[in-house]
Amino acid sequence: MKRLDLIFSERELDAILKALEEAEVPGYTVMKHATGKGPQTVVSEDMEFTGLGANAHVIVFCEIEIINNIKENIQSILNYYGGVAYISEAIEM
């Protein structure tokens, strides 16, 4: 089982969720209003009212085959609009 973490501008949430649905992921968690600091910028809630400052964090637990199916679509969205994706091992307790 893998864990896929996606952090990106909240403006792209619909496009990301559409890519996940098309890949038939078993489910996902969406956390809006994610803030923090990356290597090049700070993301705060200050610009949230414009939709430019807020990020979303989506977590998916699924098999690597499903992640491979969505990789190209997700990467094209993240490359164009910005954002990051990380894949890690997930062990159920």
N, C-alpha and C. Protein backbone atom coordinates (compact mmCIF):
# COMPACT_ATOMS: atom_id res chain seq x y z
N MET A 1 0.86 -1.18 0.00
CA MET A 1 0.00 0.00 0.00
C MET A 1 0.90 1.23 0.00
N LYS A 2 0.53 2.22 -0.80
CA LYS A 2 1.29 3.47 -0.90
C LYS A 2 0.43 4.63 -0.39
N ARG A 3 1.12 5.67 0.02
CA ARG A 3 0.46 6.92 0.39
C ARG A 3 0.93 7.99 -0.59
N LEU A 4 -0.02 8.67 -1.19
CA LEU A 4 0.27 9.76 -2.11
C LEU A 4 -0.17 11.06 -1.45
N ASP A 5 0.76 11.98 -1.26
CA ASP A 5 0.47 13.30 -0.71
C ASP A 5 0.60 14.32 -1.83
N LEU A 6 -0.44 15.09 -2.03
CA LEU A 6 -0.45 16.14 -3.05
C LEU A 6 -0.70 17.48 -2.35
N ILE A 7 0.16 18.45 -2.59
CA ILE A 7 -0.02 19.80 -2.04
C ILE A 7 0.06 20.76 -3.21
N PHE A 8 -0.97 21.57 -3.38
CA PHE A 8 -1.09 22.41 -4.57
C PHE A 8 -2.06 23.56 -4.27
N SER A 9 -2.12 24.50 -5.19
CA SER A 9 -3.05 25.61 -5.04
C SER A 9 -4.49 25.08 -5.02
N GLU A 10 -5.25 25.60 -4.09
CA GLU A 10 -6.64 25.16 -3.94
C GLU A 10 -7.46 25.39 -5.20
N ARG A 11 -7.01 26.32 -6.04
CA ARG A 11 -7.71 26.59 -7.31
C ARG A 11 -7.76 25.37 -8.20
N GLU A 12 -6.78 24.47 -8.06
CA GLU A 12 -6.69 23.29 -8.92
C GLU A 12 -7.32 22.05 -8.31
N LEU A 13 -8.02 22.22 -7.21
CA LEU A 13 -8.59 21.07 -6.50
C LEU A 13 -9.54 20.25 -7.39
N ASP A 14 -10.41 20.90 -8.13
CA ASP A 14 -11.35 20.17 -8.98
C ASP A 14 -10.62 19.33 -10.03
N ALA A 15 -9.58 19.90 -10.64
CA ALA A 15 -8.83 19.16 -11.67
C ALA A 15 -8.11 17.96 -11.07
N ILE A 16 -7.54 18.14 -9.87
CA ILE A 16 -6.84 17.03 -9.21
C ILE A 16 -7.84 15.94 -8.84
N LEU A 17 -8.97 16.33 -8.26
CA LEU A 17 -9.95 15.32 -7.86
C LEU A 17 -10.52 14.59 -9.07
N LYS A 18 -10.69 15.30 -10.18
CA LYS A 18 -11.16 14.65 -11.41
C LYS A 18 -10.16 13.59 -11.88
N ALA A 19 -8.87 13.92 -11.83
CA ALA A 19 -7.83 12.95 -12.22
C ALA A 19 -7.84 11.73 -11.30
N LEU A 20 -8.07 11.96 -10.00
CA LEU A 20 -8.13 10.85 -9.05
C LEU A 20 -9.35 9.98 -9.31
N GLU A 21 -10.48 10.61 -9.56
CA GLU A 21 -11.72 9.86 -9.82
C GLU A 21 -11.59 9.04 -11.10
N GLU A 22 -11.00 9.62 -12.13
CA GLU A 22 -10.83 8.90 -13.39
C GLU A 22 -9.93 7.69 -13.24
N ALA A 23 -8.98 7.77 -12.30
CA ALA A 23 -8.09 6.64 -12.03
C ALA A 23 -8.71 5.62 -11.08
N GLU A 24 -9.91 5.94 -10.61
CA GLU A 24 -10.66 5.06 -9.70
C GLU A 24 -9.92 4.78 -8.41
N VAL A 25 -9.38 5.85 -7.80
CA VAL A 25 -8.78 5.67 -6.49
C VAL A 25 -9.87 5.23 -5.51
N PRO A 26 -9.52 4.43 -4.51
CA PRO A 26 -10.55 3.93 -3.59
C PRO A 26 -11.10 5.02 -2.67
N GLY A 27 -10.40 6.12 -2.53
CA GLY A 27 -10.86 7.20 -1.67
C GLY A 27 -9.73 8.20 -1.49
N TYR A 28 -10.05 9.31 -0.88
CA TYR A 28 -9.04 10.33 -0.62
C TYR A 28 -9.51 11.24 0.49
N THR A 29 -8.55 11.96 1.08
CA THR A 29 -8.85 12.96 2.11
C THR A 29 -8.40 14.32 1.58
N VAL A 30 -9.25 15.32 1.73
CA VAL A 30 -8.93 16.68 1.28
C VAL A 30 -8.86 17.59 2.51
N MET A 31 -7.75 18.29 2.62
CA MET A 31 -7.59 19.30 3.68
C MET A 31 -7.35 20.64 2.99
N LYS A 32 -8.30 21.52 3.11
CA LYS A 32 -8.18 22.85 2.51
C LYS A 32 -7.48 23.79 3.49
N HIS A 33 -7.05 24.92 2.96
CA HIS A 33 -6.42 25.98 3.74
C HIS A 33 -5.09 25.53 4.33
N ALA A 34 -4.34 24.71 3.60
CA ALA A 34 -3.02 24.28 4.06
C ALA A 34 -2.05 25.46 3.92
N THR A 35 -1.28 25.71 4.94
CA THR A 35 -0.30 26.79 4.92
C THR A 35 1.07 26.23 5.30
N GLY A 36 2.10 26.99 5.01
CA GLY A 36 3.43 26.54 5.38
C GLY A 36 4.49 27.28 4.57
N LYS A 37 5.68 26.69 4.53
CA LYS A 37 6.79 27.31 3.84
C LYS A 37 7.47 26.26 2.97
N GLY A 38 7.71 26.64 1.73
CA GLY A 38 8.45 25.78 0.81
C GLY A 38 9.82 26.38 0.55
N PRO A 39 10.60 25.79 -0.36
CA PRO A 39 11.94 26.31 -0.62
C PRO A 39 11.96 27.70 -1.23
N GLN A 40 10.85 28.10 -1.89
CA GLN A 40 10.86 29.39 -2.58
C GLN A 40 9.86 30.40 -2.05
N THR A 41 8.87 29.95 -1.27
CA THR A 41 7.84 30.89 -0.85
C THR A 41 7.15 30.43 0.43
N VAL A 42 6.49 31.39 1.05
CA VAL A 42 5.65 31.12 2.20
C VAL A 42 4.21 31.17 1.74
N VAL A 43 3.41 30.18 2.13
CA VAL A 43 1.99 30.16 1.79
C VAL A 43 1.22 30.42 3.07
N SER A 44 0.48 31.52 3.07
CA SER A 44 -0.29 31.87 4.26
C SER A 44 -1.75 32.02 3.90
N GLU A 45 -2.55 32.24 4.90
CA GLU A 45 -3.98 32.43 4.68
C GLU A 45 -4.29 33.89 4.35
N ASP A 46 -3.27 34.75 4.33
CA ASP A 46 -3.50 36.18 4.08
C ASP A 46 -4.21 36.43 2.76
N MET A 47 -3.88 35.68 1.72
CA MET A 47 -4.47 35.89 0.41
C MET A 47 -5.61 34.91 0.13
N GLU A 48 -6.06 34.23 1.14
CA GLU A 48 -7.08 33.19 0.94
C GLU A 48 -8.36 33.73 0.32
N PHE A 49 -8.74 34.94 0.67
CA PHE A 49 -10.00 35.50 0.16
C PHE A 49 -9.96 35.66 -1.36
N THR A 50 -8.78 35.76 -1.95
CA THR A 50 -8.69 35.88 -3.40
C THR A 50 -8.57 34.52 -4.08
N GLY A 51 -8.31 33.49 -3.29
CA GLY A 51 -8.10 32.17 -3.87
C GLY A 51 -6.67 31.98 -4.34
N LEU A 52 -5.81 32.97 -4.15
CA LEU A 52 -4.42 32.87 -4.61
C LEU A 52 -3.47 32.35 -3.54
N GLY A 53 -3.86 32.44 -2.28
CA GLY A 53 -2.92 32.11 -1.23
C GLY A 53 -3.16 30.78 -0.55
N ALA A 54 -4.28 30.18 -0.81
CA ALA A 54 -4.61 28.96 -0.10
C ALA A 54 -4.12 27.74 -0.87
N ASN A 55 -3.63 26.76 -0.15
CA ASN A 55 -3.25 25.48 -0.73
C ASN A 55 -4.21 24.40 -0.23
N ALA A 56 -4.22 23.31 -0.93
CA ALA A 56 -4.97 22.13 -0.49
C ALA A 56 -3.98 20.97 -0.36
N HIS A 57 -4.29 20.06 0.55
CA HIS A 57 -3.49 18.87 0.76
C HIS A 57 -4.42 17.68 0.58
N VAL A 58 -4.09 16.82 -0.37
CA VAL A 58 -4.91 15.63 -0.64
C VAL A 58 -4.06 14.40 -0.33
N ILE A 59 -4.62 13.48 0.41
CA ILE A 59 -3.94 12.23 0.76
C ILE A 59 -4.73 11.07 0.17
N VAL A 60 -4.00 10.18 -0.50
CA VAL A 60 -4.62 8.99 -1.11
C VAL A 60 -3.84 7.76 -0.64
N PHE A 61 -4.54 6.74 -0.23
CA PHE A 61 -3.93 5.44 0.07
C PHE A 61 -4.42 4.47 -1.00
N CYS A 62 -3.49 3.88 -1.73
CA CYS A 62 -3.88 2.94 -2.79
C CYS A 62 -2.66 2.14 -3.24
N GLU A 63 -2.88 1.26 -4.16
CA GLU A 63 -1.79 0.45 -4.71
C GLU A 63 -1.00 1.27 -5.73
N ILE A 64 0.26 0.90 -5.92
CA ILE A 64 1.14 1.65 -6.81
C ILE A 64 0.62 1.66 -8.24
N GLU A 65 -0.10 0.62 -8.65
CA GLU A 65 -0.62 0.57 -10.02
C GLU A 65 -1.58 1.73 -10.27
N ILE A 66 -2.39 2.06 -9.28
CA ILE A 66 -3.32 3.18 -9.44
C ILE A 66 -2.55 4.49 -9.50
N ILE A 67 -1.53 4.62 -8.65
CA ILE A 67 -0.72 5.84 -8.69
C ILE A 67 -0.04 5.99 -10.05
N ASN A 68 0.45 4.89 -10.58
CA ASN A 68 1.08 4.96 -11.90
C ASN A 68 0.08 5.41 -12.97
N ASN A 69 -1.18 5.03 -12.81
CA ASN A 69 -2.22 5.43 -13.77
C ASN A 69 -2.50 6.92 -13.73
N ILE A 70 -2.34 7.55 -12.58
CA ILE A 70 -2.67 8.97 -12.47
C ILE A 70 -1.44 9.88 -12.55
N LYS A 71 -0.26 9.26 -12.51
CA LYS A 71 0.99 10.03 -12.44
C LYS A 71 1.09 11.10 -13.53
N GLU A 72 0.85 10.73 -14.77
CA GLU A 72 1.02 11.68 -15.88
C GLU A 72 0.06 12.85 -15.76
N ASN A 73 -1.22 12.57 -15.49
CA ASN A 73 -2.21 13.65 -15.38
C ASN A 73 -1.92 14.57 -14.21
N ILE A 74 -1.56 13.99 -13.08
CA ILE A 74 -1.27 14.79 -11.89
C ILE A 74 -0.02 15.64 -12.12
N GLN A 75 1.02 15.03 -12.69
CA GLN A 75 2.27 15.77 -12.90
C GLN A 75 2.07 16.93 -13.85
N SER A 76 1.24 16.75 -14.88
CA SER A 76 1.03 17.85 -15.82
C SER A 76 0.32 19.02 -15.13
N ILE A 77 -0.62 18.73 -14.23
CA ILE A 77 -1.31 19.79 -13.49
C ILE A 77 -0.34 20.48 -12.54
N LEU A 78 0.46 19.69 -11.80
CA LEU A 78 1.41 20.28 -10.84
C LEU A 78 2.51 21.06 -11.54
N ASN A 79 2.97 20.57 -12.69
CA ASN A 79 4.02 21.29 -13.42
C ASN A 79 3.51 22.62 -13.95
N TYR A 80 2.27 22.65 -14.40
CA TYR A 80 1.73 23.87 -14.99
C TYR A 80 1.33 24.89 -13.92
N TYR A 81 0.64 24.44 -12.88
CA TYR A 81 0.12 25.37 -11.87
C TYR A 81 0.96 25.44 -10.61
N GLY A 82 1.87 24.50 -10.43
CA GLY A 82 2.68 24.46 -9.23
C GLY A 82 2.10 23.49 -8.21
N GLY A 83 2.97 22.94 -7.42
CA GLY A 83 2.55 21.99 -6.39
C GLY A 83 3.54 20.85 -6.30
N VAL A 84 3.36 20.01 -5.31
CA VAL A 84 4.26 18.88 -5.11
C VAL A 84 3.47 17.61 -4.87
N ALA A 85 4.12 16.49 -5.15
CA ALA A 85 3.52 15.17 -4.90
C ALA A 85 4.61 14.26 -4.36
N TYR A 86 4.27 13.51 -3.33
CA TYR A 86 5.21 12.56 -2.74
C TYR A 86 4.52 11.23 -2.56
N ILE A 87 5.26 10.17 -2.83
CA ILE A 87 4.76 8.81 -2.65
C ILE A 87 5.59 8.16 -1.56
N SER A 88 4.93 7.51 -0.62
CA SER A 88 5.64 6.83 0.46
C SER A 88 4.95 5.51 0.76
N GLU A 89 5.63 4.69 1.53
CA GLU A 89 5.05 3.42 1.97
C GLU A 89 4.02 3.71 3.06
N ALA A 90 2.96 2.94 3.08
CA ALA A 90 1.95 3.08 4.12
C ALA A 90 1.70 1.71 4.72
N ILE A 91 1.77 1.64 6.03
CA ILE A 91 1.53 0.39 6.74
C ILE A 91 0.35 0.61 7.67
N GLU A 92 -0.69 -0.19 7.48
CA GLU A 92 -1.88 -0.06 8.31
C GLU A 92 -1.61 -0.61 9.70
N MET A 93 -2.08 0.08 10.71
CA MET A 93 -1.89 -0.38 12.09
C MET A 93 -2.95 -1.38 12.48
